[in-house]
Amino acid sequence: MDKAMAYIDKLAAKLGVAAEHVYGILVKQAVVEGATKLGVAFIFALVAVVISIIIVRVLKRTDNKVTNEIFDGIVWGIIIGVVLLVLSIIIASSGLKAVINPEYYAIKEILDTIGGK
């Protein structure tokens, strides 16, 4: 932790600002990244729902006369919808963690930067 604080102080000195300001920026950035991930997850989930609605409408229109082409389209639609839904859950979980606890991700960013040198 002392190493992290020394890094923040060094970075702040180079930028000509207080260390608290640098840390505050990193915390805000963690919230922004988390919110962005939540937005992407929402869009993926929305697309998965739209795909499922389209599949249901296609099935209603065919009157139980499903051809091979329609069946293939339905199978691909289900596969794509499930993949998007799983990706949505994974992305939303990491985004939600960043929004709930941005200080952790700010410190993690600092430690990753120190370890990467």
Protein backbone atom coordinates (compact mmCIF):
# COMPACT_ATOMS: atom_id res chain seq x y z
CA MET A 1 0.00 0.00 0.00
CA ASP A 2 2.90 2.34 0.72
CA LYS A 3 4.18 1.64 -2.77
CA ALA A 4 0.78 2.57 -4.20
CA MET A 5 0.66 5.82 -2.28
CA ALA A 6 4.20 6.65 -3.38
CA TYR A 7 3.16 6.04 -6.98
CA ILE A 8 0.12 8.32 -6.58
CA ASP A 9 2.33 11.05 -5.08
CA LYS A 10 4.87 10.68 -7.90
CA LEU A 11 2.15 10.80 -10.55
CA ALA A 12 0.52 13.79 -8.89
CA ALA A 13 3.86 15.62 -8.74
CA LYS A 14 4.43 15.03 -12.46
CA LEU A 15 0.96 16.32 -13.26
CA GLY A 16 1.25 19.23 -10.85
CA VAL A 17 -1.84 18.29 -8.87
CA ALA A 18 -2.58 16.87 -5.43
CA ALA A 19 -2.51 13.09 -4.94
CA GLU A 20 -6.13 13.19 -3.78
CA HIS A 21 -7.08 14.67 -7.15
CA VAL A 22 -5.41 11.80 -9.04
CA TYR A 23 -7.10 9.22 -6.82
CA GLY A 24 -10.46 10.97 -7.30
CA ILE A 25 -10.04 10.85 -11.07
CA LEU A 26 -9.27 7.12 -10.94
CA VAL A 27 -12.37 6.51 -8.81
CA LYS A 28 -14.56 8.48 -11.24
CA GLN A 29 -13.06 6.58 -14.17
CA ALA A 30 -13.91 3.27 -12.50
CA VAL A 31 -17.55 4.41 -12.18
CA VAL A 32 -17.62 5.51 -15.83
CA GLU A 33 -16.16 2.20 -17.01
CA GLY A 34 -18.65 0.28 -14.86
CA ALA A 35 -21.59 2.28 -16.21
CA THR A 36 -20.37 1.72 -19.77
CA LYS A 37 -20.20 -2.02 -19.17
CA LEU A 38 -23.72 -1.96 -17.75
CA GLY A 39 -24.92 -0.12 -20.86
CA VAL A 40 -23.32 -2.66 -23.18
CA ALA A 41 -24.79 -5.51 -21.13
CA PHE A 42 -28.24 -3.91 -21.39
CA ILE A 43 -27.93 -3.61 -25.18
CA PHE A 44 -26.84 -7.27 -25.49
CA ALA A 45 -29.79 -8.38 -23.34
CA LEU A 46 -32.15 -6.21 -25.38
CA VAL A 47 -30.92 -7.76 -28.64
CA ALA A 48 -31.40 -11.24 -27.14
CA VAL A 49 -35.00 -10.36 -26.23
CA VAL A 50 -35.67 -8.96 -29.71
CA ILE A 51 -34.31 -12.15 -31.26
CA SER A 52 -36.61 -14.26 -29.10
CA ILE A 53 -39.61 -12.12 -30.06
CA ILE A 54 -38.76 -12.51 -33.75
CA ILE A 55 -38.47 -16.29 -33.33
CA VAL A 56 -41.89 -16.48 -31.66
CA ARG A 57 -43.48 -14.39 -34.42
CA VAL A 58 -41.90 -16.55 -37.13
CA LEU A 59 -43.22 -19.69 -35.44
CA LYS A 60 -46.72 -18.21 -35.24
CA ARG A 61 -46.69 -17.31 -38.95
CA THR A 62 -45.56 -20.74 -40.14
CA ASP A 63 -48.60 -22.56 -38.68
CA ASN A 64 -46.43 -25.52 -37.63
CA LYS A 65 -45.03 -25.91 -41.17
CA VAL A 66 -41.39 -25.33 -40.41
CA THR A 67 -39.07 -25.82 -43.37
CA ASN A 68 -35.37 -26.60 -43.08
CA GLU A 69 -34.44 -22.97 -43.76
CA ILE A 70 -36.79 -21.68 -41.08
CA PHE A 71 -35.57 -24.33 -38.63
CA ASP A 72 -31.93 -23.39 -39.29
CA GLY A 73 -32.75 -19.72 -38.76
CA ILE A 74 -34.50 -20.50 -35.49
CA VAL A 75 -31.60 -22.59 -34.23
CA TRP A 76 -29.08 -19.86 -35.10
CA GLY A 77 -31.34 -17.25 -33.49
CA ILE A 78 -31.49 -19.27 -30.29
CA ILE A 79 -27.72 -19.81 -30.26
CA ILE A 80 -26.99 -16.11 -30.84
CA GLY A 81 -29.60 -15.08 -28.25
CA VAL A 82 -28.17 -17.39 -25.58
CA VAL A 83 -24.60 -16.26 -26.28
CA LEU A 84 -25.64 -12.61 -26.05
CA LEU A 85 -27.51 -13.27 -22.82
CA VAL A 86 -24.51 -15.02 -21.23
CA LEU A 87 -22.18 -12.22 -22.36
CA SER A 88 -24.65 -9.71 -20.94
CA ILE A 89 -24.58 -11.39 -17.54
CA ILE A 90 -20.77 -11.58 -17.48
CA ILE A 91 -20.30 -7.96 -18.56
CA ALA A 92 -23.01 -6.69 -16.20
CA SER A 93 -21.44 -8.41 -13.20
CA SER A 94 -18.06 -6.77 -13.73
CA GLY A 95 -19.68 -3.41 -14.49
CA LEU A 96 -21.85 -3.57 -11.40
CA LYS A 97 -18.85 -4.35 -9.21
CA ALA A 98 -17.00 -1.31 -10.61
CA VAL A 99 -19.98 0.96 -9.93
CA ILE A 100 -20.57 -0.36 -6.40
CA ASN A 101 -16.91 -0.32 -5.31
CA PRO A 102 -14.94 2.07 -7.53
CA GLU A 103 -12.21 2.60 -4.91
CA TYR A 104 -11.12 -1.02 -5.30
CA TYR A 105 -10.72 -0.62 -9.05
CA ALA A 106 -8.83 2.67 -8.61
CA ILE A 107 -6.35 1.00 -6.26
CA LYS A 108 -6.18 -2.03 -8.56
CA GLU A 109 -5.31 0.27 -11.47
CA ILE A 110 -2.52 1.83 -9.44
CA LEU A 111 -1.14 -1.54 -8.33
CA ASP A 112 -1.35 -2.91 -11.89
CA THR A 113 0.60 0.10 -13.12
CA ILE A 114 3.25 -0.37 -10.44
CA GLY A 115 3.51 -4.10 -11.13
CA GLY A 116 3.74 -3.51 -14.88
CA LYS A 117 6.93 -1.45 -14.62
